C-alpha atoms as a PDB file:
ATOM      1  CA  UNK A   1      -8.376  13.794  31.504  1.00  0.00           C
ATOM      2  CA  UNK A   2      -7.894  15.773  28.316  1.00  0.00           C
ATOM      3  CA  UNK A   3      -4.970  17.529  30.215  1.00  0.00           C
ATOM      4  CA  UNK A   4      -3.381  14.339  30.960  1.00  0.00           C
ATOM      5  CA  UNK A   5      -3.544  13.062  27.427  1.00  0.00           C
ATOM      6  CA  UNK A   6      -1.958  16.238  26.277  1.00  0.00           C
ATOM      7  CA  UNK A   7       1.058  15.936  28.879  1.00  0.00           C
ATOM      8  CA  UNK A   8       1.373  12.166  27.871  1.00  0.00           C
ATOM      9  CA  UNK A   9       1.766  13.203  24.049  1.00  0.00           C
ATOM     10  CA  UNK A  10       4.151  16.128  24.921  1.00  0.00           C
ATOM     11  CA  UNK A  11       6.097  13.701  26.753  1.00  0.00           C
ATOM     12  CA  UNK A  12       6.532  11.154  23.880  1.00  0.00           C
ATOM     13  CA  UNK A  13      10.102  10.678  22.668  1.00  0.00           C
ATOM     14  CA  UNK A  14      11.126  11.329  19.083  1.00  0.00           C
ATOM     15  CA  UNK A  15      10.835   8.704  16.639  1.00  0.00           C
ATOM     16  CA  UNK A  16      14.064   6.736  15.713  1.00  0.00           C
ATOM     17  CA  UNK A  17      16.614   8.322  13.020  1.00  0.00           C
ATOM     18  CA  UNK A  18      15.821   5.488  10.659  1.00  0.00           C
ATOM     19  CA  UNK A  19      12.133   6.657  10.450  1.00  0.00           C
ATOM     20  CA  UNK A  20      13.190  10.208   9.862  1.00  0.00           C
ATOM     21  CA  UNK A  21      15.250   8.866   7.077  1.00  0.00           C
ATOM     22  CA  UNK A  22      12.339   7.175   5.379  1.00  0.00           C
ATOM     23  CA  UNK A  23      10.184  10.056   5.972  1.00  0.00           C
ATOM     24  CA  UNK A  24      12.600  12.625   4.486  1.00  0.00           C
ATOM     25  CA  UNK A  25      12.759  10.463   1.115  1.00  0.00           C
ATOM     26  CA  UNK A  26       9.065   9.890   1.007  1.00  0.00           C
ATOM     27  CA  UNK A  27       7.998  13.195   1.727  1.00  0.00           C
ATOM     28  CA  UNK A  28      10.476  14.867  -0.943  1.00  0.00           C
ATOM     29  CA  UNK A  29       8.710  15.519  -4.129  1.00  0.00           C
ATOM     30  CA  UNK A  30      11.799  14.346  -5.857  1.00  0.00           C
ATOM     31  CA  UNK A  31      12.467  11.353  -3.415  1.00  0.00           C
ATOM     32  CA  UNK A  32      12.664   8.085  -5.377  1.00  0.00           C
ATOM     33  CA  UNK A  33      12.315   4.262  -4.716  1.00  0.00           C
ATOM     34  CA  UNK A  34      16.006   3.840  -5.600  1.00  0.00           C
ATOM     35  CA  UNK A  35      17.072   6.220  -2.591  1.00  0.00           C
ATOM     36  CA  UNK A  36      14.584   4.353  -0.248  1.00  0.00           C
ATOM     37  CA  UNK A  37      15.487   0.792  -0.719  1.00  0.00           C
ATOM     38  CA  UNK A  38      19.008   0.886   0.940  1.00  0.00           C
ATOM     39  CA  UNK A  39      17.514   2.889   3.713  1.00  0.00           C
ATOM     40  CA  UNK A  40      14.812   0.081   4.250  1.00  0.00           C
ATOM     41  CA  UNK A  41      17.299  -2.763   3.744  1.00  0.00           C
ATOM     42  CA  UNK A  42      19.344  -1.376   6.810  1.00  0.00           C
ATOM     43  CA  UNK A  43      16.919  -3.010   8.915  1.00  0.00           C
ATOM     44  CA  UNK A  44      16.179  -6.601   8.260  1.00  0.00           C
ATOM     45  CA  UNK A  45      13.348  -6.836  10.463  1.00  0.00           C
ATOM     46  CA  UNK A  46      11.593  -4.069   8.847  1.00  0.00           C
ATOM     47  CA  UNK A  47      12.388  -5.697   5.590  1.00  0.00           C
ATOM     48  CA  UNK A  48      10.962  -8.821   6.586  1.00  0.00           C
ATOM     49  CA  UNK A  49       7.764  -7.114   7.937  1.00  0.00           C
ATOM     50  CA  UNK A  50       7.224  -5.540   4.670  1.00  0.00           C
ATOM     51  CA  UNK A  51       7.912  -8.615   2.483  1.00  0.00           C
ATOM     52  CA  UNK A  52       5.423 -10.595   4.887  1.00  0.00           C
ATOM     53  CA  UNK A  53       2.729  -8.077   4.142  1.00  0.00           C
ATOM     54  CA  UNK A  54       3.516  -8.124   0.512  1.00  0.00           C
ATOM     55  CA  UNK A  55       2.898 -11.704   0.421  1.00  0.00           C
ATOM     56  CA  UNK A  56      -0.221 -11.688   2.591  1.00  0.00           C
ATOM     57  CA  UNK A  57      -3.320 -12.655   0.648  1.00  0.00           C
ATOM     58  CA  UNK A  58      -5.119  -9.431   1.969  1.00  0.00           C
ATOM     59  CA  UNK A  59      -3.196  -7.395  -0.744  1.00  0.00           C
ATOM     60  CA  UNK A  60      -3.883  -9.984  -3.582  1.00  0.00           C
ATOM     61  CA  UNK A  61      -0.529  -9.476  -5.536  1.00  0.00           C
ATOM     62  CA  UNK A  62      -0.604 -11.724  -8.273  1.00  0.00           C
ATOM     63  CA  UNK A  63       2.857 -13.488  -7.625  1.00  0.00           C
ATOM     64  CA  UNK A  64       5.141 -13.963  -4.857  1.00  0.00           C
ATOM     65  CA  UNK A  65       7.178 -11.038  -3.896  1.00  0.00           C
ATOM     66  CA  UNK A  66      10.746 -11.913  -3.236  1.00  0.00           C
ATOM     67  CA  UNK A  67      12.617  -8.680  -3.026  1.00  0.00           C
ATOM     68  CA  UNK A  68      12.125  -5.436  -1.042  1.00  0.00           C
ATOM     69  CA  UNK A  69      12.556  -3.372  -4.458  1.00  0.00           C
ATOM     70  CA  UNK A  70       9.380  -5.087  -5.746  1.00  0.00           C
ATOM     71  CA  UNK A  71       7.442  -4.657  -2.437  1.00  0.00           C
ATOM     72  CA  UNK A  72       8.230  -0.892  -2.365  1.00  0.00           C
ATOM     73  CA  UNK A  73       7.093  -0.308  -6.065  1.00  0.00           C
ATOM     74  CA  UNK A  74       3.872  -2.173  -5.540  1.00  0.00           C
ATOM     75  CA  UNK A  75       2.892  -0.447  -2.092  1.00  0.00           C
ATOM     76  CA  UNK A  76       4.082   2.881  -2.940  1.00  0.00           C
ATOM     77  CA  UNK A  77       5.925   5.312  -0.530  1.00  0.00           C
ATOM     78  CA  UNK A  78       2.773   6.185   1.375  1.00  0.00           C
ATOM     79  CA  UNK A  79       2.323   2.645   2.475  1.00  0.00           C
ATOM     80  CA  UNK A  80       6.126   1.986   3.063  1.00  0.00           C
ATOM     81  CA  UNK A  81       6.239   4.987   5.200  1.00  0.00           C
ATOM     82  CA  UNK A  82       3.292   3.838   7.297  1.00  0.00           C
ATOM     83  CA  UNK A  83       5.023   0.322   7.704  1.00  0.00           C
ATOM     84  CA  UNK A  84       8.362   2.179   8.981  1.00  0.00           C
ATOM     85  CA  UNK A  85       6.571   4.270  11.522  1.00  0.00           C
ATOM     86  CA  UNK A  86       4.288   1.270  12.771  1.00  0.00           C
ATOM     87  CA  UNK A  87       7.352  -0.909  13.074  1.00  0.00           C
ATOM     88  CA  UNK A  88       9.427   1.876  14.994  1.00  0.00           C
ATOM     89  CA  UNK A  89       6.575   2.368  17.389  1.00  0.00           C
ATOM     90  CA  UNK A  90       6.143  -1.363  18.111  1.00  0.00           C
ATOM     91  CA  UNK A  91       9.915  -1.561  18.559  1.00  0.00           C
ATOM     92  CA  UNK A  92      10.463   1.118  20.844  1.00  0.00           C
ATOM     93  CA  UNK A  93       7.199   1.682  22.648  1.00  0.00           C
ATOM     94  CA  UNK A  94       5.339  -0.791  24.878  1.00  0.00           C
ATOM     95  CA  UNK A  95       2.140  -1.711  23.428  1.00  0.00           C
ATOM     96  CA  UNK A  96      -0.564  -2.921  25.728  1.00  0.00           C
ATOM     97  CA  UNK A  97      -4.299  -2.793  24.575  1.00  0.00           C
ATOM     98  CA  UNK A  98      -6.000  -4.592  27.582  1.00  0.00           C
ATOM     99  CA  UNK A  99      -8.515  -2.033  28.205  1.00  0.00           C
ATOM    100  CA  UNK A 100      -9.782  -2.891  24.548  1.00  0.00           C
ATOM    101  CA  UNK A 101      -9.787  -6.372  25.320  1.00  0.00           C
ATOM    102  CA  UNK A 102      -6.996  -7.310  22.717  1.00  0.00           C
ATOM    103  CA  UNK A 103      -3.218  -7.275  22.185  1.00  0.00           C
ATOM    104  CA  UNK A 104      -0.491  -6.139  19.785  1.00  0.00           C
ATOM    105  CA  UNK A 105      -1.062  -8.843  17.328  1.00  0.00           C
ATOM    106  CA  UNK A 106      -4.587  -7.842  16.733  1.00  0.00           C
ATOM    107  CA  UNK A 107      -3.364  -4.215  16.598  1.00  0.00           C
ATOM    108  CA  UNK A 108      -1.176  -4.994  13.843  1.00  0.00           C
ATOM    109  CA  UNK A 109      -3.558  -7.418  11.986  1.00  0.00           C
ATOM    110  CA  UNK A 110      -6.352  -4.438  12.105  1.00  0.00           C
ATOM    111  CA  UNK A 111      -3.988  -1.927  11.004  1.00  0.00           C
ATOM    112  CA  UNK A 112      -2.764  -4.031   8.087  1.00  0.00           C
ATOM    113  CA  UNK A 113      -6.474  -4.801   6.936  1.00  0.00           C
ATOM    114  CA  UNK A 114      -7.194  -1.022   6.967  1.00  0.00           C
ATOM    115  CA  UNK A 115      -4.393  -0.388   4.717  1.00  0.00           C
ATOM    116  CA  UNK A 116      -5.315  -3.126   2.206  1.00  0.00           C
ATOM    117  CA  UNK A 117      -8.828  -1.969   2.206  1.00  0.00           C
ATOM    118  CA  UNK A 118      -7.592   1.392   1.594  1.00  0.00           C
ATOM    119  CA  UNK A 119      -5.168   0.143  -1.179  1.00  0.00           C
ATOM    120  CA  UNK A 120      -7.819  -2.047  -3.012  1.00  0.00           C
ATOM    121  CA  UNK A 121     -10.669   0.285  -2.609  1.00  0.00           C
ATOM    122  CA  UNK A 122      -9.972   3.947  -1.649  1.00  0.00           C
ATOM    123  CA  UNK A 123      -6.600   4.983  -3.333  1.00  0.00           C
ATOM    124  CA  UNK A 124      -7.890   5.459  -6.820  1.00  0.00           C
ATOM    125  CA  UNK A 125     -10.847   7.453  -5.663  1.00  0.00           C
ATOM    126  CA  UNK A 126      -8.539  10.337  -4.616  1.00  0.00           C
ATOM    127  CA  UNK A 127      -5.804  12.456  -6.193  1.00  0.00           C
ATOM    128  CA  UNK A 128      -4.420  14.813  -3.828  1.00  0.00           C
ATOM    129  CA  UNK A 129      -2.565  13.656  -0.670  1.00  0.00           C
ATOM    130  CA  UNK A 130      -2.803   9.855  -1.654  1.00  0.00           C
ATOM    131  CA  UNK A 131       0.536   9.055  -0.062  1.00  0.00           C
ATOM    132  CA  UNK A 132      -0.279  10.758   3.005  1.00  0.00           C
ATOM    133  CA  UNK A 133      -3.731   8.730   3.073  1.00  0.00           C
ATOM    134  CA  UNK A 134      -1.901   5.622   2.732  1.00  0.00           C
ATOM    135  CA  UNK A 135       0.449   6.408   5.516  1.00  0.00           C
ATOM    136  CA  UNK A 136      -2.383   7.417   7.814  1.00  0.00           C
ATOM    137  CA  UNK A 137      -4.443   4.177   6.988  1.00  0.00           C
ATOM    138  CA  UNK A 138      -1.881   2.106   8.777  1.00  0.00           C
ATOM    139  CA  UNK A 139      -1.731   4.403  11.750  1.00  0.00           C
ATOM    140  CA  UNK A 140      -5.506   4.946  12.594  1.00  0.00           C
ATOM    141  CA  UNK A 141      -5.496   3.078  15.781  1.00  0.00           C
ATOM    142  CA  UNK A 142      -2.280   4.500  17.101  1.00  0.00           C
ATOM    143  CA  UNK A 143      -4.243   6.691  19.732  1.00  0.00           C
ATOM    144  CA  UNK A 144      -5.783   3.624  21.351  1.00  0.00           C
ATOM    145  CA  UNK A 145      -1.964   2.706  22.487  1.00  0.00           C
ATOM    146  CA  UNK A 146      -1.718   5.947  24.733  1.00  0.00           C
ATOM    147  CA  UNK A 147      -5.305   5.831  25.803  1.00  0.00           C
ATOM    148  CA  UNK A 148      -4.653   2.164  27.013  1.00  0.00           C
ATOM    149  CA  UNK A 149      -1.683   3.321  28.833  1.00  0.00           C
ATOM    150  CA  UNK A 150      -3.543   6.230  30.707  1.00  0.00           C
ATOM    151  CA  UNK A 151      -6.517   3.860  31.358  1.00  0.00           C
ATOM    152  CA  UNK A 152      -4.341   1.358  33.256  1.00  0.00           C
ATOM    153  CA  UNK A 153      -2.677   4.008  35.164  1.00  0.00           C
ATOM    154  CA  UNK A 154      -6.016   5.364  36.085  1.00  0.00           C
ATOM    155  CA  UNK A 155      -7.055   1.731  37.182  1.00  0.00           C
ATOM    156  CA  UNK A 156      -9.935   1.809  34.786  1.00  0.00           C
ATOM    157  CA  UNK A 157      -8.872  -1.007  32.517  1.00  0.00           C
ATOM    158  CA  UNK A 158     -11.776  -3.396  33.701  1.00  0.00           C
ATOM    159  CA  UNK A 159     -14.475  -0.782  33.841  1.00  0.00           C
ATOM    160  CA  UNK A 160     -13.655   0.383  30.221  1.00  0.00           C
ATOM    161  CA  UNK A 161     -13.600  -3.190  28.855  1.00  0.00           C
ATOM    162  CA  UNK A 162     -16.787  -3.764  30.571  1.00  0.00           C
ATOM    163  CA  UNK A 163     -18.333  -0.745  28.716  1.00  0.00           C
ATOM    164  CA  UNK A 164     -17.000  -1.772  25.388  1.00  0.00           C
ATOM    165  CA  UNK A 165     -18.726  -5.373  25.593  1.00  0.00           C
ATOM    166  CA  UNK A 166     -21.816  -4.033  23.488  1.00  0.00           C
ATOM    167  CA  UNK A 167     -19.462  -1.684  21.094  1.00  0.00           C
ATOM    168  CA  UNK A 168     -18.594  -3.097  17.889  1.00  0.00           C
ATOM    169  CA  UNK A 169     -18.511  -0.396  15.251  1.00  0.00           C
ATOM    170  CA  UNK A 170     -15.774   2.509  15.215  1.00  0.00           C
ATOM    171  CA  UNK A 171     -18.516   4.964  16.137  1.00  0.00           C
ATOM    172  CA  UNK A 172     -19.600   2.962  19.019  1.00  0.00           C
ATOM    173  CA  UNK A 173     -15.972   2.492  20.328  1.00  0.00           C
ATOM    174  CA  UNK A 174     -15.551   6.414  20.076  1.00  0.00           C
ATOM    175  CA  UNK A 175     -18.844   6.784  22.097  1.00  0.00           C
ATOM    176  CA  UNK A 176     -17.243   4.837  24.999  1.00  0.00           C
ATOM    177  CA  UNK A 177     -14.036   6.374  24.739  1.00  0.00           C
ATOM    178  CA  UNK A 178     -15.753   9.761  25.122  1.00  0.00           C
ATOM    179  CA  UNK A 179     -17.551   8.769  28.261  1.00  0.00           C
ATOM    180  CA  UNK A 180     -14.032   7.713  29.905  1.00  0.00           C
ATOM    181  CA  UNK A 181     -11.669  10.355  28.344  1.00  0.00           C
ATOM    182  CA  UNK A 182     -13.883  13.286  27.107  1.00  0.00           C
ATOM    183  CA  UNK A 183     -12.455  12.788  23.697  1.00  0.00           C
ATOM    184  CA  UNK A 184     -11.709   9.805  20.998  1.00  0.00           C
ATOM    185  CA  UNK A 185      -8.466   7.816  20.317  1.00  0.00           C
ATOM    186  CA  UNK A 186      -8.548   9.232  16.711  1.00  0.00           C
ATOM    187  CA  UNK A 187      -8.314  12.942  18.303  1.00  0.00           C
ATOM    188  CA  UNK A 188      -5.190  11.445  20.397  1.00  0.00           C
ATOM    189  CA  UNK A 189      -3.652  10.022  17.300  1.00  0.00           C
ATOM    190  CA  UNK A 190      -3.984  13.422  15.566  1.00  0.00           C
ATOM    191  CA  UNK A 191      -2.119  15.116  18.621  1.00  0.00           C
ATOM    192  CA  UNK A 192       0.487  12.382  18.227  1.00  0.00           C
ATOM    193  CA  UNK A 193       0.753  12.987  14.472  1.00  0.00           C
ATOM    194  CA  UNK A 194       1.311  16.789  15.229  1.00  0.00           C
ATOM    195  CA  UNK A 195       3.904  15.952  18.017  1.00  0.00           C
ATOM    196  CA  UNK A 196       6.078  13.999  15.597  1.00  0.00           C
ATOM    197  CA  UNK A 197       5.615  16.572  13.033  1.00  0.00           C
ATOM    198  CA  UNK A 198       3.704  14.505  10.601  1.00  0.00           C
ATOM    199  CA  UNK A 199       2.290  16.396   7.367  1.00  0.00           C
ATOM    200  CA  UNK A 200      -0.521  18.530   8.294  1.00  0.00           C
ATOM    201  CA  UNK A 201      -2.840  16.832   5.960  1.00  0.00           C
ATOM    202  CA  UNK A 202      -2.375  13.623   8.030  1.00  0.00           C
ATOM    203  CA  UNK A 203      -3.267  15.347  11.372  1.00  0.00           C
ATOM    204  CA  UNK A 204      -6.312  16.978   9.738  1.00  0.00           C
ATOM    205  CA  UNK A 205      -7.427  13.642   8.440  1.00  0.00           C
ATOM    206  CA  UNK A 206      -7.293  11.871  11.867  1.00  0.00           C
ATOM    207  CA  UNK A 207      -8.817  14.798  13.536  1.00  0.00           C
ATOM    208  CA  UNK A 208     -11.911  14.857  11.407  1.00  0.00           C
ATOM    209  CA  UNK A 209     -12.365  11.068  10.676  1.00  0.00           C
ATOM    210  CA  UNK A 210     -15.678  10.907  12.814  1.00  0.00           C
ATOM    211  CA  UNK A 211     -17.027  14.095  10.934  1.00  0.00           C
ATOM    212  CA  UNK A 212     -15.753  14.025   7.376  1.00  0.00           C
ATOM    213  CA  UNK A 213     -18.108  16.880   6.785  1.00  0.00           C
ATOM    214  CA  UNK A 214     -16.081  19.306   8.796  1.00  0.00           C
ATOM    215  CA  UNK A 215     -12.914  18.666   7.072  1.00  0.00           C
ATOM    216  CA  UNK A 216     -11.513  21.107   4.358  1.00  0.00           C
ATOM    217  CA  UNK A 217     -12.490  20.460   0.676  1.00  0.00           C
ATOM    218  CA  UNK A 218      -8.938  19.427  -0.105  1.00  0.00           C
ATOM    219  CA  UNK A 219      -8.947  16.330   2.140  1.00  0.00           C
ATOM    220  CA  UNK A 220     -12.633  15.695   2.699  1.00  0.00           C
ATOM    221  CA  UNK A 221     -12.925  12.706   0.209  1.00  0.00           C
ATOM    222  CA  UNK A 222      -9.649  11.189   1.741  1.00  0.00           C
ATOM    223  CA  UNK A 223     -11.253  11.485   5.256  1.00  0.00           C
ATOM    224  CA  UNK A 224     -14.617   9.944   3.874  1.00  0.00           C
ATOM    225  CA  UNK A 225     -12.518   6.986   2.763  1.00  0.00           C
ATOM    226  CA  UNK A 226     -10.576   6.568   5.848  1.00  0.00           C
ATOM    227  CA  UNK A 227     -13.730   6.884   7.995  1.00  0.00           C
ATOM    228  CA  UNK A 228     -15.451   4.132   5.949  1.00  0.00           C
ATOM    229  CA  UNK A 229     -12.528   1.792   6.050  1.00  0.00           C
ATOM    230  CA  UNK A 230     -12.085   2.216   9.801  1.00  0.00           C
ATOM    231  CA  UNK A 231     -16.086   1.721  10.275  1.00  0.00           C
ATOM    232  CA  UNK A 232     -15.902  -1.627   8.273  1.00  0.00           C
ATOM    233  CA  UNK A 233     -12.474  -2.822  10.138  1.00  0.00           C
ATOM    234  CA  UNK A 234     -12.590  -1.585  13.942  1.00  0.00           C
ATOM    235  CA  UNK A 235     -10.141  -2.788  16.404  1.00  0.00           C
ATOM    236  CA  UNK A 236     -12.529  -5.040  18.424  1.00  0.00           C
ATOM    237  CA  UNK A 237     -14.518  -6.982  15.818  1.00  0.00           C
ATOM    238  CA  UNK A 238     -13.048  -6.309  12.180  1.00  0.00           C
ATOM    239  CA  UNK A 239     -15.619  -6.988   9.363  1.00  0.00           C
ATOM    240  CA  UNK A 240     -18.426  -7.867  11.714  1.00  0.00           C
ATOM    241  CA  UNK A 241     -21.803  -7.747   9.954  1.00  0.00           C
ATOM    242  CA  UNK A 242     -22.805  -4.518  11.593  1.00  0.00           C
ATOM    243  CA  UNK A 243     -19.441  -2.899  10.825  1.00  0.00           C
ATOM    244  CA  UNK A 244     -19.561  -3.749   7.136  1.00  0.00           C
ATOM    245  CA  UNK A 245     -23.308  -2.834   6.933  1.00  0.00           C
ATOM    246  CA  UNK A 246     -22.566   0.535   8.441  1.00  0.00           C
ATOM    247  CA  UNK A 247     -19.441   1.154   6.240  1.00  0.00           C
ATOM    248  CA  UNK A 248     -21.561   0.279   3.061  1.00  0.00           C
ATOM    249  CA  UNK A 249     -24.387   2.721   4.253  1.00  0.00           C
ATOM    250  CA  UNK A 250     -21.408   5.559   4.780  1.00  0.00           C
ATOM    251  CA  UNK A 251     -20.267   4.716   1.117  1.00  0.00           C
ATOM    252  CA  UNK A 252     -23.657   5.323  -0.167  1.00  0.00           C
ATOM    253  CA  UNK A 253     -24.163   8.505   1.852  1.00  0.00           C
ATOM    254  CA  UNK A 254     -20.875  10.027   0.700  1.00  0.00           C
ATOM    255  CA  UNK A 255     -21.361   9.046  -3.065  1.00  0.00           C
ATOM    256  CA  UNK A 256     -18.486   6.596  -3.163  1.00  0.00           C
ATOM    257  CA  UNK A 257     -18.190   3.347  -4.586  1.00  0.00           C
ATOM    258  CA  UNK A 258     -20.295   1.070  -2.418  1.00  0.00           C
ATOM    259  CA  UNK A 259     -20.498  -1.953  -4.702  1.00  0.00           C
ATOM    260  CA  UNK A 260     -16.503  -2.242  -5.301  1.00  0.00           C
ATOM    261  CA  UNK A 261     -16.323  -1.782  -1.305  1.00  0.00           C
ATOM    262  CA  UNK A 262     -18.506  -4.755  -1.010  1.00  0.00           C
ATOM    263  CA  UNK A 263     -16.299  -6.588  -3.420  1.00  0.00           C
ATOM    264  CA  UNK A 264     -12.928  -5.550  -1.707  1.00  0.00           C
ATOM    265  CA  UNK A 265     -14.294  -6.399   1.799  1.00  0.00           C
ATOM    266  CA  UNK A 266     -15.372  -9.733   0.510  1.00  0.00           C
ATOM    267  CA  UNK A 267     -11.595 -10.213  -0.689  1.00  0.00           C
ATOM    268  CA  UNK A 268     -10.153  -9.142   2.689  1.00  0.00           C
ATOM    269  CA  UNK A 269     -12.307 -11.381   4.330  1.00  0.00           C
ATOM    270  CA  UNK A 270     -11.490 -14.675   2.636  1.00  0.00           C
END
């Protein structure tokens, strides 16, 4: 099964030129919001997506955001890059998540919630690779799209879905994935990141998300934060009681801000 996953990843087409332009500006140390705005504005639907997210109660911005310039300044380049990549994937690739018992709407909802929690709670606890962390926070469920495609081809949609019935947390979902695929969707996402030549830090973050202790010291805190966010907001039952409890326990274990995490989760859950 791992060999089939590798072949699938290698066969993925390149991302659209519009995404390449966004990534070029966002990854340039001298890139500016002023340069990014006209690139985003070229795609009215992407612009609308970003403005819709900016005015979502998830992020808790104090006033209505009416211009893309405002939205980019508030979100930062990392999140905007994530929105652009996510939008391009939804536009250019069929997204079916039947094996996980859900659909593309839940996929987007959960991805946005994960980004919002990283923004509200995690971003200020890291210094290095902050933009890369924010981009990754919007793409953590990406591997499930490719896995779903493979499971459907193998005729294992129903059996996989049945096995997931008692899984709630991200760790429990990963356990079922290993049973069927010998690996996790996070590892698959890391392969996809590498295929599309995303920043090495993003590849490493995804690869180590279930074992932050194995990540290099440079990105370990980033991985711990993403691991906690993913545990609190898994795809199947985001913010379930067990998920939140597990995330808070992880925060304590890693010496992160558990109380502030609880407060941020409460804001997102309203």
